[in-house]
N, C-alpha and C. Protein backbone atom coordinates (compact mmCIF):
# COMPACT_ATOMS: atom_id res chain seq x y z
N GLY A 1 -41.22 15.35 3.36
CA GLY A 1 -41.97 16.39 3.65
C GLY A 1 -41.63 17.74 4.33
N ALA A 2 -42.06 18.35 3.99
CA ALA A 2 -41.61 20.06 4.66
C ALA A 2 -42.54 20.42 5.18
N ASP A 3 -42.11 19.83 6.60
CA ASP A 3 -43.34 20.94 7.98
C ASP A 3 -42.91 21.79 8.41
N ARG A 4 -41.58 20.89 9.16
CA ARG A 4 -40.39 22.26 9.65
C ARG A 4 -39.38 22.29 9.06
N MET A 5 -39.57 22.84 7.54
CA MET A 5 -38.54 23.63 6.86
C MET A 5 -38.02 25.19 7.36
N SER A 6 -38.19 25.15 8.34
CA SER A 6 -37.48 26.63 8.11
C SER A 6 -36.40 27.31 9.15
N LYS A 7 -35.87 26.15 10.13
CA LYS A 7 -35.25 26.56 11.02
C LYS A 7 -33.77 25.04 10.47
N ARG A 8 -32.79 24.83 10.46
CA ARG A 8 -31.52 24.26 10.14
C ARG A 8 -32.00 22.82 9.78
N THR A 9 -32.39 22.51 9.08
CA THR A 9 -33.35 21.31 8.30
C THR A 9 -32.98 20.46 7.15
N SER A 10 -31.44 20.90 7.12
CA SER A 10 -31.41 20.12 5.71
C SER A 10 -30.81 19.02 4.99
N LYS A 11 -30.09 18.31 5.71
CA LYS A 11 -29.77 16.76 5.76
C LYS A 11 -30.86 15.90 6.95
N ARG A 12 -30.47 16.57 8.46
CA ARG A 12 -30.67 15.87 9.43
C ARG A 12 -32.38 16.58 10.26
N GLY A 13 -32.57 15.82 10.79
CA GLY A 13 -33.78 16.59 11.60
C GLY A 13 -35.10 15.21 11.19
N PRO A 14 -36.30 15.85 11.97
CA PRO A 14 -37.42 15.32 11.76
C PRO A 14 -37.92 15.84 10.30
N ARG A 15 -37.84 15.25 8.94
CA ARG A 15 -38.49 15.23 7.60
C ARG A 15 -39.90 14.84 7.93
N THR A 16 -40.49 15.00 8.58
CA THR A 16 -41.87 14.80 8.83
C THR A 16 -43.02 15.58 7.61
């Protein structure tokens, strides 16, 4: 999903 896709969340990070 694209909940917090604002910062640098391309490959890692919580993809909720």
